[in-house]
Amino acid sequence: MNVNIGGTERAIRATFGVIFAILAIVQLGGTVGTIIFAILGLLGLVTGISGMCPLYSALHIDASHKD
């Protein structure tokens, strides 16, 4: 697994992942909103921690060298 996200973007993704996870736990936005917040939180945390974005890989984007 290759890292394709730079350090700044990883921190931002992880931060937003935590925020969306908290919103899902607090259950703001009803049932559909909770599911959306949970998915966004999980995606943000996973991509922020791993440093790998599948969409970037599919589009051949490498943002890791820009930090």
N, C-alpha and C. Protein backbone atom coordinates (compact mmCIF):
# COMPACT_ATOMS: atom_id res chain seq x y z
N MET A 1 0.85 -1.17 0.00
CA MET A 1 0.00 0.00 0.00
C MET A 1 0.90 1.23 0.00
N ASN A 2 0.74 2.06 -1.00
CA ASN A 2 1.54 3.27 -1.13
C ASN A 2 0.82 4.46 -0.53
N VAL A 3 1.57 5.31 0.13
CA VAL A 3 1.02 6.54 0.68
C VAL A 3 0.86 7.54 -0.45
N ASN A 4 -0.35 8.09 -0.61
CA ASN A 4 -0.56 9.07 -1.67
C ASN A 4 -1.20 10.36 -1.13
N ILE A 5 -1.16 10.52 0.20
CA ILE A 5 -1.71 11.73 0.83
C ILE A 5 -0.60 12.33 1.70
N GLY A 6 -0.41 13.64 1.59
CA GLY A 6 0.61 14.32 2.37
C GLY A 6 0.21 14.49 3.83
N GLY A 7 1.15 14.91 4.65
CA GLY A 7 0.94 15.03 6.08
C GLY A 7 -0.14 16.01 6.49
N THR A 8 -0.19 17.15 5.84
CA THR A 8 -1.21 18.15 6.17
C THR A 8 -2.60 17.63 5.83
N GLU A 9 -2.75 17.04 4.66
CA GLU A 9 -4.05 16.51 4.25
C GLU A 9 -4.47 15.34 5.15
N ARG A 10 -3.51 14.53 5.56
CA ARG A 10 -3.82 13.42 6.48
C ARG A 10 -4.38 13.96 7.79
N ALA A 11 -3.77 15.01 8.32
CA ALA A 11 -4.24 15.59 9.57
C ALA A 11 -5.64 16.18 9.42
N ILE A 12 -5.88 16.84 8.31
CA ILE A 12 -7.20 17.43 8.07
C ILE A 12 -8.25 16.34 7.94
N ARG A 13 -7.94 15.29 7.17
CA ARG A 13 -8.89 14.18 7.01
C ARG A 13 -9.20 13.51 8.34
N ALA A 14 -8.17 13.26 9.14
CA ALA A 14 -8.39 12.61 10.44
C ALA A 14 -9.21 13.50 11.36
N THR A 15 -8.95 14.80 11.34
CA THR A 15 -9.71 15.73 12.18
C THR A 15 -11.18 15.75 11.79
N PHE A 16 -11.44 15.86 10.49
CA PHE A 16 -12.83 15.84 10.04
C PHE A 16 -13.48 14.48 10.29
N GLY A 17 -12.69 13.42 10.21
CA GLY A 17 -13.21 12.09 10.52
C GLY A 17 -13.70 12.00 11.95
N VAL A 18 -12.92 12.56 12.87
CA VAL A 18 -13.32 12.57 14.28
C VAL A 18 -14.58 13.42 14.47
N ILE A 19 -14.62 14.57 13.82
CA ILE A 19 -15.79 15.45 13.94
C ILE A 19 -17.04 14.75 13.43
N PHE A 20 -16.96 14.12 12.26
CA PHE A 20 -18.13 13.43 11.71
C PHE A 20 -18.52 12.22 12.56
N ALA A 21 -17.53 11.53 13.13
CA ALA A 21 -17.85 10.40 14.01
C ALA A 21 -18.58 10.88 15.26
N ILE A 22 -18.16 12.00 15.81
CA ILE A 22 -18.85 12.56 16.98
C ILE A 22 -20.28 12.96 16.62
N LEU A 23 -20.45 13.57 15.45
CA LEU A 23 -21.79 13.94 15.00
C LEU A 23 -22.67 12.70 14.83
N ALA A 24 -22.10 11.61 14.36
CA ALA A 24 -22.87 10.38 14.21
C ALA A 24 -23.25 9.81 15.57
N ILE A 25 -22.34 9.89 16.53
CA ILE A 25 -22.62 9.38 17.87
C ILE A 25 -23.69 10.22 18.56
N VAL A 26 -23.62 11.54 18.38
CA VAL A 26 -24.59 12.45 18.98
C VAL A 26 -25.94 12.34 18.24
N GLN A 27 -25.91 11.79 17.04
CA GLN A 27 -27.08 11.54 16.20
C GLN A 27 -27.77 12.81 15.75
N LEU A 28 -27.00 13.76 15.30
CA LEU A 28 -27.57 14.96 14.69
C LEU A 28 -27.97 14.64 13.26
N GLY A 29 -29.12 15.10 12.86
CA GLY A 29 -29.54 14.93 11.47
C GLY A 29 -30.46 13.76 11.23
N GLY A 30 -30.95 13.09 12.24
CA GLY A 30 -31.86 11.97 12.04
C GLY A 30 -31.14 10.71 11.61
N THR A 31 -31.90 9.71 11.21
CA THR A 31 -31.32 8.40 10.87
C THR A 31 -30.41 8.46 9.66
N VAL A 32 -30.87 9.08 8.59
CA VAL A 32 -30.05 9.18 7.38
C VAL A 32 -28.82 10.03 7.64
N GLY A 33 -28.99 11.12 8.37
CA GLY A 33 -27.86 11.97 8.72
C GLY A 33 -26.83 11.23 9.55
N THR A 34 -27.29 10.41 10.47
CA THR A 34 -26.38 9.63 11.31
C THR A 34 -25.57 8.66 10.47
N ILE A 35 -26.21 8.01 9.51
CA ILE A 35 -25.51 7.06 8.64
C ILE A 35 -24.49 7.80 7.78
N ILE A 36 -24.86 8.94 7.24
CA ILE A 36 -23.95 9.72 6.41
C ILE A 36 -22.76 10.20 7.23
N PHE A 37 -23.02 10.74 8.43
CA PHE A 37 -21.93 11.19 9.29
C PHE A 37 -21.01 10.03 9.67
N ALA A 38 -21.58 8.87 9.94
CA ALA A 38 -20.76 7.70 10.30
C ALA A 38 -19.87 7.27 9.15
N ILE A 39 -20.41 7.24 7.95
CA ILE A 39 -19.62 6.86 6.78
C ILE A 39 -18.52 7.88 6.51
N LEU A 40 -18.86 9.16 6.56
CA LEU A 40 -17.85 10.20 6.34
C LEU A 40 -16.77 10.16 7.42
N GLY A 41 -17.18 9.93 8.65
CA GLY A 41 -16.22 9.82 9.74
C GLY A 41 -15.28 8.66 9.56
N LEU A 42 -15.83 7.51 9.18
CA LEU A 42 -15.00 6.33 8.97
C LEU A 42 -14.03 6.53 7.82
N LEU A 43 -14.53 7.08 6.71
CA LEU A 43 -13.65 7.34 5.56
C LEU A 43 -12.54 8.33 5.91
N GLY A 44 -12.89 9.39 6.60
CA GLY A 44 -11.88 10.38 6.99
C GLY A 44 -10.82 9.80 7.90
N LEU A 45 -11.26 9.01 8.88
CA LEU A 45 -10.29 8.41 9.80
C LEU A 45 -9.40 7.38 9.10
N VAL A 46 -9.99 6.53 8.29
CA VAL A 46 -9.20 5.48 7.63
C VAL A 46 -8.19 6.07 6.66
N THR A 47 -8.64 7.02 5.83
CA THR A 47 -7.70 7.60 4.87
C THR A 47 -6.68 8.50 5.56
N GLY A 48 -7.08 9.18 6.63
CA GLY A 48 -6.14 10.03 7.36
C GLY A 48 -5.08 9.24 8.08
N ILE A 49 -5.47 8.13 8.68
CA ILE A 49 -4.51 7.32 9.42
C ILE A 49 -3.61 6.51 8.48
N SER A 50 -4.21 5.93 7.44
CA SER A 50 -3.42 5.07 6.54
C SER A 50 -2.58 5.88 5.55
N GLY A 51 -3.04 7.10 5.21
CA GLY A 51 -2.30 7.91 4.24
C GLY A 51 -2.55 7.48 2.80
N MET A 52 -3.55 6.63 2.58
CA MET A 52 -3.85 6.12 1.25
C MET A 52 -5.31 6.37 0.92
N CYS A 53 -5.54 7.02 -0.21
CA CYS A 53 -6.90 7.31 -0.67
C CYS A 53 -7.15 6.49 -1.94
N PRO A 54 -8.13 5.58 -1.91
CA PRO A 54 -8.41 4.77 -3.10
C PRO A 54 -8.81 5.59 -4.32
N LEU A 55 -9.53 6.69 -4.09
CA LEU A 55 -9.92 7.54 -5.22
C LEU A 55 -8.69 8.17 -5.87
N TYR A 56 -7.74 8.63 -5.06
CA TYR A 56 -6.50 9.18 -5.59
C TYR A 56 -5.74 8.11 -6.39
N SER A 57 -5.73 6.89 -5.88
CA SER A 57 -5.05 5.80 -6.58
C SER A 57 -5.70 5.55 -7.94
N ALA A 58 -7.03 5.53 -7.98
CA ALA A 58 -7.75 5.29 -9.23
C ALA A 58 -7.49 6.39 -10.24
N LEU A 59 -7.34 7.62 -9.76
CA LEU A 59 -7.11 8.76 -10.65
C LEU A 59 -5.63 9.07 -10.85
N HIS A 60 -4.75 8.24 -10.29
CA HIS A 60 -3.29 8.41 -10.39
C HIS A 60 -2.83 9.76 -9.88
N ILE A 61 -3.37 10.14 -8.71
CA ILE A 61 -2.98 11.40 -8.07
C ILE A 61 -2.07 11.07 -6.90
N ASP A 62 -0.95 11.77 -6.81
CA ASP A 62 -0.04 11.58 -5.68
C ASP A 62 0.18 12.95 -5.02
N ALA A 63 -0.47 13.16 -3.90
CA ALA A 63 -0.38 14.43 -3.18
C ALA A 63 0.62 14.35 -2.03
N SER A 64 1.33 13.24 -1.91
CA SER A 64 2.22 13.07 -0.76
C SER A 64 3.50 13.89 -0.88
N HIS A 65 3.91 14.25 -2.05
CA HIS A 65 5.16 15.00 -2.23
C HIS A 65 4.99 16.50 -2.08
N LYS A 66 3.79 16.96 -1.84
CA LYS A 66 3.54 18.40 -1.79
C LYS A 66 3.74 19.02 -0.43
N ASP A 67 4.10 18.24 0.59
CA ASP A 67 4.32 18.79 1.94
C ASP A 67 5.73 19.26 2.11
